Amino acid sequence: MKKLIVSVVCLIFIVAGVAFAKDYEVKKKAGDLDVVVTIDKNPPVVGENNLAIEVKDAAGKYVTDAKVKVEYGMSAMPGMPAMDYKTDAKIEGDKYKAVMELSMSGPWNVTIKITRGEKTSKVKFSVDAQ
């Protein structure tokens, strides 16, 4: 009976830990912009991953008049060509939202391109999809 109770308690802690896990977050500078990218799964997974991209100017104000693109890909491997994908992020409130569809596990390179007027800034980072 003790083993059953201990097992149930452990299972509850595991489920609670997964349910309240913090989103995957990347904070970077792109020129004079502060960019925070949040992915709803931590670690990112094979399949749909929802991105929220927060862009602030040097004064700390939200930038909502930019064109934001998400480019992501996996390098070529023996017997497999490189994979490259693009998606546009759409503004929702103060954040840009996009869905990144990762087709397989492993390392993915992500580039967020932010264009305001004639100026384009980039944020680059990598994720390891599970």
N, C-alpha and C. Protein backbone atom coordinates (compact mmCIF):
# COMPACT_ATOMS: atom_id res chain seq x y z
N MET A 1 0.82 -1.19 0.00
CA MET A 1 0.00 0.00 0.00
C MET A 1 0.87 1.27 0.00
N LYS A 2 2.00 1.22 0.77
CA LYS A 2 2.89 2.38 0.80
C LYS A 2 3.45 2.67 -0.59
N LYS A 3 3.83 1.60 -1.31
CA LYS A 3 4.39 1.79 -2.65
C LYS A 3 3.38 2.44 -3.58
N LEU A 4 2.14 2.05 -3.46
CA LEU A 4 1.09 2.62 -4.30
C LEU A 4 0.92 4.11 -4.00
N ILE A 5 0.90 4.46 -2.73
CA ILE A 5 0.74 5.87 -2.34
C ILE A 5 1.93 6.69 -2.82
N VAL A 6 3.13 6.17 -2.62
CA VAL A 6 4.34 6.87 -3.06
C VAL A 6 4.32 7.02 -4.58
N SER A 7 3.91 6.00 -5.29
CA SER A 7 3.84 6.06 -6.76
C SER A 7 2.84 7.11 -7.22
N VAL A 8 1.69 7.16 -6.59
CA VAL A 8 0.66 8.14 -6.95
C VAL A 8 1.16 9.56 -6.67
N VAL A 9 1.78 9.77 -5.52
CA VAL A 9 2.31 11.10 -5.18
C VAL A 9 3.38 11.52 -6.19
N CYS A 10 4.28 10.61 -6.55
CA CYS A 10 5.32 10.92 -7.54
C CYS A 10 4.69 11.26 -8.89
N LEU A 11 3.69 10.52 -9.29
CA LEU A 11 3.01 10.77 -10.56
C LEU A 11 2.35 12.16 -10.55
N ILE A 12 1.76 12.53 -9.44
CA ILE A 12 1.14 13.85 -9.32
C ILE A 12 2.18 14.95 -9.48
N PHE A 13 3.35 14.79 -8.84
CA PHE A 13 4.40 15.79 -8.97
C PHE A 13 4.92 15.88 -10.40
N ILE A 14 5.05 14.76 -11.07
CA ILE A 14 5.53 14.75 -12.45
C ILE A 14 4.53 15.47 -13.35
N VAL A 15 3.26 15.14 -13.22
CA VAL A 15 2.22 15.77 -14.04
C VAL A 15 2.15 17.27 -13.73
N ALA A 16 2.23 17.64 -12.47
CA ALA A 16 2.19 19.05 -12.10
C ALA A 16 3.39 19.79 -12.66
N GLY A 17 4.55 19.17 -12.63
CA GLY A 17 5.76 19.79 -13.18
C GLY A 17 5.65 20.04 -14.67
N VAL A 18 5.09 19.08 -15.40
CA VAL A 18 4.90 19.24 -16.83
C VAL A 18 3.85 20.32 -17.11
N ALA A 19 2.78 20.31 -16.35
CA ALA A 19 1.69 21.26 -16.57
C ALA A 19 2.12 22.70 -16.31
N PHE A 20 3.04 22.91 -15.38
CA PHE A 20 3.44 24.26 -15.02
C PHE A 20 4.85 24.61 -15.50
N ALA A 21 5.37 23.84 -16.45
CA ALA A 21 6.70 24.11 -16.98
C ALA A 21 6.70 25.46 -17.70
N LYS A 22 7.76 26.20 -17.53
CA LYS A 22 7.88 27.51 -18.17
C LYS A 22 8.07 27.32 -19.66
N ASP A 23 7.51 28.25 -20.44
CA ASP A 23 7.69 28.22 -21.89
C ASP A 23 9.17 28.41 -22.22
N TYR A 24 9.56 27.97 -23.41
CA TYR A 24 10.92 28.17 -23.91
C TYR A 24 11.02 29.65 -24.29
N GLU A 25 12.03 30.33 -23.77
CA GLU A 25 12.13 31.77 -24.00
C GLU A 25 13.54 32.16 -24.43
N VAL A 26 13.62 33.03 -25.43
CA VAL A 26 14.89 33.56 -25.92
C VAL A 26 14.80 35.08 -25.90
N LYS A 27 15.78 35.73 -25.27
CA LYS A 27 15.85 37.20 -25.25
C LYS A 27 17.12 37.62 -25.97
N LYS A 28 16.96 38.48 -26.99
CA LYS A 28 18.11 38.93 -27.77
C LYS A 28 17.90 40.37 -28.23
N LYS A 29 19.01 40.99 -28.64
CA LYS A 29 18.97 42.31 -29.26
C LYS A 29 19.03 42.12 -30.77
N ALA A 30 18.28 42.95 -31.49
CA ALA A 30 18.33 42.98 -32.95
C ALA A 30 18.52 44.45 -33.32
N GLY A 31 19.77 44.85 -33.46
CA GLY A 31 20.05 46.26 -33.67
C GLY A 31 19.67 47.03 -32.41
N ASP A 32 18.79 48.02 -32.56
CA ASP A 32 18.34 48.80 -31.39
C ASP A 32 17.04 48.24 -30.80
N LEU A 33 16.61 47.08 -31.26
CA LEU A 33 15.37 46.46 -30.78
C LEU A 33 15.66 45.37 -29.75
N ASP A 34 14.79 45.27 -28.75
CA ASP A 34 14.83 44.16 -27.80
C ASP A 34 13.77 43.17 -28.23
N VAL A 35 14.16 41.91 -28.39
CA VAL A 35 13.25 40.89 -28.89
C VAL A 35 13.17 39.75 -27.88
N VAL A 36 11.94 39.34 -27.57
CA VAL A 36 11.71 38.18 -26.71
C VAL A 36 10.85 37.21 -27.50
N VAL A 37 11.39 36.01 -27.73
CA VAL A 37 10.66 34.97 -28.44
C VAL A 37 10.27 33.91 -27.42
N THR A 38 8.98 33.61 -27.37
CA THR A 38 8.48 32.59 -26.45
C THR A 38 7.85 31.48 -27.27
N ILE A 39 8.25 30.24 -26.98
CA ILE A 39 7.67 29.06 -27.63
C ILE A 39 6.87 28.33 -26.56
N ASP A 40 5.66 27.93 -26.92
CA ASP A 40 4.73 27.37 -25.92
C ASP A 40 5.12 26.00 -25.39
N LYS A 41 6.12 25.37 -25.97
CA LYS A 41 6.56 24.06 -25.48
C LYS A 41 8.03 24.15 -25.10
N ASN A 42 8.39 23.55 -23.97
CA ASN A 42 9.77 23.57 -23.51
C ASN A 42 10.16 22.17 -23.06
N PRO A 43 10.97 21.48 -23.83
CA PRO A 43 11.61 21.91 -25.07
C PRO A 43 10.63 21.88 -26.24
N PRO A 44 10.97 22.58 -27.34
CA PRO A 44 10.13 22.50 -28.53
C PRO A 44 10.00 21.04 -28.98
N VAL A 45 8.89 20.74 -29.64
CA VAL A 45 8.60 19.36 -30.01
C VAL A 45 8.40 19.22 -31.51
N VAL A 46 8.45 17.98 -31.98
CA VAL A 46 8.10 17.68 -33.36
C VAL A 46 6.62 18.00 -33.51
N GLY A 47 6.26 18.75 -34.54
CA GLY A 47 4.88 19.17 -34.74
C GLY A 47 4.75 20.67 -34.53
N GLU A 48 3.55 21.11 -34.16
CA GLU A 48 3.27 22.54 -34.01
C GLU A 48 3.87 23.12 -32.74
N ASN A 49 4.54 24.24 -32.90
CA ASN A 49 5.07 25.02 -31.79
C ASN A 49 4.63 26.46 -32.01
N ASN A 50 3.89 27.01 -31.06
CA ASN A 50 3.37 28.38 -31.19
C ASN A 50 4.39 29.38 -30.66
N LEU A 51 4.70 30.37 -31.49
CA LEU A 51 5.65 31.41 -31.12
C LEU A 51 4.93 32.71 -30.83
N ALA A 52 5.37 33.40 -29.81
CA ALA A 52 4.95 34.77 -29.52
C ALA A 52 6.22 35.61 -29.52
N ILE A 53 6.24 36.63 -30.36
CA ILE A 53 7.44 37.45 -30.53
C ILE A 53 7.12 38.87 -30.07
N GLU A 54 7.84 39.30 -29.06
CA GLU A 54 7.65 40.64 -28.49
C GLU A 54 8.82 41.50 -28.95
N VAL A 55 8.52 42.63 -29.57
CA VAL A 55 9.55 43.53 -30.08
C VAL A 55 9.36 44.90 -29.43
N LYS A 56 10.44 45.41 -28.81
CA LYS A 56 10.40 46.74 -28.19
C LYS A 56 11.53 47.59 -28.76
N ASP A 57 11.26 48.88 -28.89
CA ASP A 57 12.28 49.80 -29.38
C ASP A 57 13.21 50.22 -28.24
N ALA A 58 14.15 51.10 -28.55
CA ALA A 58 15.14 51.54 -27.55
C ALA A 58 14.49 52.24 -26.36
N ALA A 59 13.31 52.83 -26.57
CA ALA A 59 12.60 53.52 -25.49
C ALA A 59 11.75 52.55 -24.66
N GLY A 60 11.73 51.28 -25.04
CA GLY A 60 10.95 50.28 -24.31
C GLY A 60 9.50 50.18 -24.75
N LYS A 61 9.16 50.83 -25.86
CA LYS A 61 7.79 50.78 -26.38
C LYS A 61 7.64 49.62 -27.35
N TYR A 62 6.45 49.00 -27.31
CA TYR A 62 6.18 47.89 -28.21
C TYR A 62 6.19 48.37 -29.66
N VAL A 63 6.81 47.57 -30.52
CA VAL A 63 6.83 47.84 -31.95
C VAL A 63 5.72 46.99 -32.57
N THR A 64 4.73 47.64 -33.16
CA THR A 64 3.61 46.91 -33.76
C THR A 64 3.45 47.22 -35.25
N ASP A 65 4.38 47.99 -35.80
CA ASP A 65 4.28 48.37 -37.21
C ASP A 65 5.35 47.71 -38.08
N ALA A 66 5.90 46.62 -37.62
CA ALA A 66 6.96 45.92 -38.36
C ALA A 66 6.40 44.72 -39.12
N LYS A 67 7.17 44.26 -40.08
CA LYS A 67 6.86 43.00 -40.75
C LYS A 67 7.82 41.97 -40.14
N VAL A 68 7.27 40.90 -39.58
CA VAL A 68 8.10 39.91 -38.89
C VAL A 68 7.96 38.56 -39.60
N LYS A 69 9.11 38.00 -39.95
CA LYS A 69 9.16 36.68 -40.60
C LYS A 69 9.94 35.73 -39.72
N VAL A 70 9.51 34.47 -39.71
CA VAL A 70 10.22 33.42 -38.99
C VAL A 70 10.75 32.45 -40.03
N GLU A 71 12.06 32.28 -40.04
CA GLU A 71 12.70 31.31 -40.93
C GLU A 71 13.36 30.26 -40.05
N TYR A 72 13.11 29.00 -40.36
CA TYR A 72 13.71 27.94 -39.55
C TYR A 72 14.09 26.78 -40.44
N GLY A 73 15.16 26.09 -40.04
CA GLY A 73 15.64 24.99 -40.86
C GLY A 73 16.58 24.08 -40.11
N MET A 74 16.81 22.94 -40.75
CA MET A 74 17.73 21.95 -40.21
C MET A 74 18.80 21.73 -41.27
N SER A 75 20.04 21.68 -40.85
CA SER A 75 21.16 21.48 -41.77
C SER A 75 21.08 20.11 -42.42
N ALA A 76 21.71 20.00 -43.59
CA ALA A 76 21.76 18.72 -44.29
C ALA A 76 22.54 17.71 -43.48
N MET A 77 22.12 16.47 -43.59
CA MET A 77 22.81 15.36 -42.94
C MET A 77 23.00 14.26 -43.98
N PRO A 78 23.87 13.30 -43.71
CA PRO A 78 24.05 12.22 -44.68
C PRO A 78 22.71 11.57 -45.03
N GLY A 79 22.41 11.54 -46.32
CA GLY A 79 21.17 10.91 -46.79
C GLY A 79 19.94 11.78 -46.63
N MET A 80 20.12 13.06 -46.21
CA MET A 80 18.97 13.93 -46.01
C MET A 80 19.34 15.35 -46.42
N PRO A 81 18.56 15.95 -47.31
CA PRO A 81 18.85 17.33 -47.70
C PRO A 81 18.49 18.31 -46.58
N ALA A 82 19.00 19.51 -46.69
CA ALA A 82 18.65 20.55 -45.72
C ALA A 82 17.16 20.86 -45.81
N MET A 83 16.58 21.25 -44.69
CA MET A 83 15.17 21.63 -44.65
C MET A 83 15.09 23.10 -44.27
N ASP A 84 14.36 23.87 -45.06
CA ASP A 84 14.20 25.30 -44.79
C ASP A 84 12.73 25.68 -44.93
N TYR A 85 12.22 26.41 -43.94
CA TYR A 85 10.82 26.82 -43.92
C TYR A 85 10.73 28.29 -43.55
N LYS A 86 9.65 28.94 -43.99
CA LYS A 86 9.39 30.35 -43.66
C LYS A 86 7.92 30.50 -43.31
N THR A 87 7.64 31.41 -42.40
CA THR A 87 6.27 31.76 -42.07
C THR A 87 6.23 33.22 -41.62
N ASP A 88 5.15 33.89 -41.95
CA ASP A 88 4.96 35.27 -41.51
C ASP A 88 4.31 35.28 -40.14
N ALA A 89 4.76 36.18 -39.29
CA ALA A 89 4.14 36.36 -37.98
C ALA A 89 3.10 37.46 -38.10
N LYS A 90 1.97 37.27 -37.47
CA LYS A 90 0.87 38.24 -37.52
C LYS A 90 0.74 38.93 -36.15
N ILE A 91 0.50 40.22 -36.20
CA ILE A 91 0.38 40.99 -34.95
C ILE A 91 -0.94 40.66 -34.25
N GLU A 92 -0.84 40.41 -32.95
CA GLU A 92 -2.01 40.18 -32.09
C GLU A 92 -1.74 40.93 -30.79
N GLY A 93 -2.39 42.06 -30.63
CA GLY A 93 -2.12 42.89 -29.45
C GLY A 93 -0.74 43.51 -29.57
N ASP A 94 0.12 43.25 -28.58
CA ASP A 94 1.48 43.78 -28.59
C ASP A 94 2.50 42.78 -29.09
N LYS A 95 2.06 41.58 -29.46
CA LYS A 95 2.99 40.52 -29.87
C LYS A 95 2.69 40.04 -31.27
N TYR A 96 3.72 39.51 -31.90
CA TYR A 96 3.57 38.86 -33.20
C TYR A 96 3.45 37.37 -32.93
N LYS A 97 2.53 36.71 -33.62
CA LYS A 97 2.29 35.28 -33.40
C LYS A 97 2.56 34.51 -34.69
N ALA A 98 3.15 33.33 -34.54
CA ALA A 98 3.43 32.45 -35.67
C ALA A 98 3.44 31.00 -35.17
N VAL A 99 3.29 30.08 -36.11
CA VAL A 99 3.37 28.66 -35.79
C VAL A 99 4.57 28.09 -36.53
N MET A 100 5.42 27.40 -35.80
CA MET A 100 6.60 26.75 -36.37
C MET A 100 6.35 25.25 -36.34
N GLU A 101 6.31 24.64 -37.52
CA GLU A 101 6.02 23.21 -37.65
C GLU A 101 7.35 22.47 -37.84
N LEU A 102 7.84 21.84 -36.78
CA LEU A 102 9.11 21.11 -36.84
C LEU A 102 8.83 19.67 -37.25
N SER A 103 9.44 19.24 -38.35
CA SER A 103 9.10 17.94 -38.94
C SER A 103 9.87 16.76 -38.35
N MET A 104 10.93 17.03 -37.61
CA MET A 104 11.67 15.93 -36.98
C MET A 104 12.46 16.44 -35.78
N SER A 105 12.85 15.51 -34.93
CA SER A 105 13.62 15.90 -33.75
C SER A 105 15.06 16.24 -34.15
N GLY A 106 15.70 17.00 -33.29
CA GLY A 106 17.08 17.39 -33.53
C GLY A 106 17.24 18.90 -33.52
N PRO A 107 18.44 19.37 -33.89
CA PRO A 107 18.73 20.81 -33.83
C PRO A 107 18.13 21.58 -35.01
N TRP A 108 17.46 22.68 -34.70
CA TRP A 108 16.87 23.56 -35.70
C TRP A 108 17.42 24.97 -35.50
N ASN A 109 17.78 25.63 -36.60
CA ASN A 109 18.24 27.01 -36.57
C ASN A 109 17.05 27.91 -36.88
N VAL A 110 16.86 28.93 -36.05
CA VAL A 110 15.71 29.83 -36.20
C VAL A 110 16.23 31.25 -36.38
N THR A 111 15.67 31.95 -37.36
CA THR A 111 15.98 33.36 -37.59
C THR A 111 14.68 34.14 -37.60
N ILE A 112 14.61 35.17 -36.78
CA ILE A 112 13.47 36.09 -36.77
C ILE A 112 13.92 37.35 -37.50
N LYS A 113 13.25 37.70 -38.60
CA LYS A 113 13.58 38.91 -39.36
C LYS A 113 12.51 39.97 -39.09
N ILE A 114 12.97 41.13 -38.64
CA ILE A 114 12.07 42.23 -38.30
C ILE A 114 12.38 43.39 -39.24
N THR A 115 11.39 43.77 -40.05
CA THR A 115 11.58 44.85 -41.02
C THR A 115 10.68 46.03 -40.66
N ARG A 116 11.32 47.19 -40.49
CA ARG A 116 10.60 48.46 -40.26
C ARG A 116 11.13 49.45 -41.29
N GLY A 117 10.25 49.88 -42.17
CA GLY A 117 10.69 50.79 -43.23
C GLY A 117 11.68 50.06 -44.13
N GLU A 118 12.85 50.64 -44.27
CA GLU A 118 13.90 50.05 -45.12
C GLU A 118 14.90 49.21 -44.32
N LYS A 119 14.74 49.16 -43.00
CA LYS A 119 15.72 48.50 -42.14
C LYS A 119 15.23 47.13 -41.68
N THR A 120 16.09 46.12 -41.86
CA THR A 120 15.79 44.76 -41.40
C THR A 120 16.80 44.36 -40.34
N SER A 121 16.29 43.88 -39.21
CA SER A 121 17.13 43.37 -38.12
C SER A 121 16.84 41.89 -37.95
N LYS A 122 17.82 41.15 -37.46
CA LYS A 122 17.67 39.70 -37.30
C LYS A 122 18.02 39.25 -35.89
N VAL A 123 17.32 38.21 -35.47
CA VAL A 123 17.64 37.50 -34.24
C VAL A 123 17.82 36.04 -34.63
N LYS A 124 18.95 35.45 -34.23
CA LYS A 124 19.21 34.05 -34.55
C LYS A 124 19.40 33.25 -33.27
N PHE A 125 18.82 32.04 -33.26
CA PHE A 125 19.02 31.13 -32.14
C PHE A 125 18.74 29.71 -32.62
N SER A 126 19.06 28.74 -31.79
CA SER A 126 18.83 27.34 -32.13
C SER A 126 17.96 26.69 -31.07
N VAL A 127 17.16 25.72 -31.50
CA VAL A 127 16.37 24.92 -30.58
C VAL A 127 16.64 23.45 -30.89
N ASP A 128 16.43 22.61 -29.90
CA ASP A 128 16.60 21.17 -30.08
C ASP A 128 15.23 20.52 -29.88
N ALA A 129 14.59 20.18 -30.99
CA ALA A 129 13.24 19.59 -30.92
C ALA A 129 13.31 18.18 -30.38
N GLN A 130 12.35 17.85 -29.54
CA GLN A 130 12.28 16.51 -28.93
C GLN A 130 11.21 15.68 -29.61
